[in-house]
Amino acid sequence: MIAWSGVGFFVALLISVAYLLCKWLFDIYYYEGYFVEHLWATGATLLLAALFCGAFVWVLRQERWLDAIAKATKSQPMMAPEKTHNFFFIPVLYWPIILFLLGSGICLWDLTR
C-alpha cells in the first residue's frame, strides 16, 4: 500500500529532517539524551516540521515553479497541486496545520504537567 501520491512523501522527509535537526541541536545545547528525556522537545520538532511543510506548500503554490517543472518535463502544469499531492490520504495543504496542532499540544501538555 502506498501512503502517498505525487510529492506527498516530502512530508515524511521534512518531518525526518526536523527530527534529526532538533535531536542534534538539543543534545548539543543541553546534554546527551536531553531530547529523549523531555517530551516538549518532540513538540518543538513537530512545530519545526510544520514550518518546513508550510514552506513546502508555499513553494507548491507558486505558479512560476509549476511552469518551470511543466516545461522541463514537457507536460501540462498542475491545477491545485497542494490538494492533489497526498500523504496518508491527507492533502499536503493540511499537514502544516496538523503538525502545528500536534506539536503545540504536546508542548503545552508537557510544560504544564
Protein backbone atom coordinates (compact mmCIF):
# COMPACT_ATOMS: atom_id res chain seq x y z
CA MET A 1 0.00 0.00 0.00
CA ILE A 2 1.37 3.38 -0.99
CA ALA A 3 0.87 6.01 1.69
CA TRP A 4 1.41 9.00 -0.59
CA SER A 5 0.62 10.31 -4.04
CA GLY A 6 2.69 12.75 -6.03
CA VAL A 7 5.26 14.53 -3.90
CA GLY A 8 3.45 13.77 -0.65
CA PHE A 9 6.44 11.74 0.55
CA PHE A 10 8.20 15.06 1.14
CA VAL A 11 6.06 15.49 4.27
CA ALA A 12 7.71 12.42 5.81
CA LEU A 13 11.10 13.60 4.61
CA LEU A 14 10.62 17.05 6.16
CA ILE A 15 9.45 15.54 9.47
CA SER A 16 12.57 13.35 9.48
CA VAL A 17 14.84 16.32 8.76
CA ALA A 18 13.19 18.31 11.58
CA TYR A 19 13.64 15.35 13.95
CA LEU A 20 17.32 14.91 13.15
CA LEU A 21 17.98 18.66 13.40
CA CYS A 22 16.18 19.07 16.74
CA LYS A 23 17.68 15.94 18.27
CA TRP A 24 21.14 17.05 17.28
CA LEU A 25 20.66 20.64 18.48
CA PHE A 26 19.04 19.76 21.83
CA ASP A 27 21.62 17.11 22.61
CA ILE A 28 24.46 19.50 21.79
CA TYR A 29 22.98 22.54 23.56
CA TYR A 30 21.89 20.79 26.77
CA TYR A 31 23.37 17.33 27.25
CA GLU A 32 23.39 13.92 25.58
CA GLY A 33 19.98 12.29 25.94
CA TYR A 34 18.05 15.52 26.64
CA PHE A 35 15.81 15.08 23.61
CA VAL A 36 14.70 11.62 24.74
CA GLU A 37 14.05 12.69 28.35
CA HIS A 38 11.84 15.71 27.57
CA LEU A 39 8.58 15.41 25.66
CA TRP A 40 8.38 19.12 24.83
CA ALA A 41 11.39 18.62 22.56
CA THR A 42 9.25 16.29 20.43
CA GLY A 43 6.59 19.01 20.28
CA ALA A 44 9.22 21.51 19.19
CA THR A 45 10.27 19.06 16.48
CA LEU A 46 6.70 18.90 15.18
CA LEU A 47 6.48 22.71 15.23
CA LEU A 48 9.66 22.92 13.17
CA ALA A 49 8.29 20.27 10.80
CA ALA A 50 5.13 22.39 10.45
CA LEU A 51 7.28 25.34 9.39
CA PHE A 52 9.14 23.18 6.87
CA CYS A 53 5.88 21.77 5.47
CA GLY A 54 4.35 25.26 5.32
CA ALA A 55 7.30 26.44 3.24
CA PHE A 56 6.91 23.35 1.03
CA VAL A 57 3.21 24.10 0.44
CA TRP A 58 4.08 27.73 -0.33
CA VAL A 59 6.56 26.54 -2.98
CA LEU A 60 3.94 24.19 -4.42
CA ARG A 61 1.53 27.10 -4.83
CA GLN A 62 3.97 29.24 -6.82
CA GLU A 63 2.95 29.20 -10.46
CA ARG A 64 6.40 30.05 -11.80
CA TRP A 65 7.82 26.89 -10.19
CA LEU A 66 4.99 24.81 -11.63
CA ASP A 67 5.52 26.32 -15.09
CA ALA A 68 9.24 25.59 -14.93
CA ILE A 69 8.59 21.99 -13.91
CA ALA A 70 6.00 21.60 -16.67
CA LYS A 71 8.44 22.93 -19.28
CA ALA A 72 11.22 20.67 -18.03
CA THR A 73 9.02 17.58 -18.13
CA LYS A 74 7.12 18.67 -21.26
CA SER A 75 3.75 18.27 -19.56
CA GLN A 76 0.81 20.43 -18.57
CA PRO A 77 1.02 22.48 -15.35
CA MET A 78 -0.94 21.02 -12.46
CA MET A 79 -4.07 22.64 -11.13
CA ALA A 80 -4.21 23.00 -7.31
CA PRO A 81 -1.10 20.83 -6.70
CA GLU A 82 -1.27 21.31 -2.94
CA LYS A 83 -4.54 19.34 -2.96
CA THR A 84 -3.54 16.65 -5.47
CA HIS A 85 -0.44 15.52 -3.56
CA ASN A 86 -1.30 13.41 -0.52
CA PHE A 87 0.44 11.83 2.43
CA PHE A 88 -1.62 9.13 4.16
CA PHE A 89 -4.56 10.25 2.02
CA ILE A 90 -4.46 13.77 3.51
CA PRO A 91 -3.56 16.61 1.09
CA VAL A 92 -0.18 18.23 1.82
CA LEU A 93 -2.04 21.52 2.22
CA TYR A 94 -3.32 20.35 5.63
CA TRP A 95 -0.14 18.82 7.04
CA PRO A 96 1.35 22.10 8.37
CA ILE A 97 -1.84 22.66 10.37
CA ILE A 98 -1.91 19.08 11.66
CA LEU A 99 1.76 19.18 12.68
CA PHE A 100 1.36 22.60 14.32
CA LEU A 101 -1.61 21.45 16.39
CA LEU A 102 0.10 18.21 17.43
CA GLY A 103 3.35 19.99 18.28
CA SER A 104 1.75 22.79 20.27
CA GLY A 105 -0.49 20.31 22.09
CA ILE A 106 2.47 18.15 23.10
CA CYS A 107 4.47 21.21 24.22
CA LEU A 108 1.59 22.59 26.27
CA TRP A 109 0.81 19.22 27.84
CA ASP A 110 4.43 18.55 28.81
CA LEU A 111 5.19 22.06 30.07
CA THR A 112 2.03 22.31 32.21
CA ARG A 113 2.18 18.96 33.99
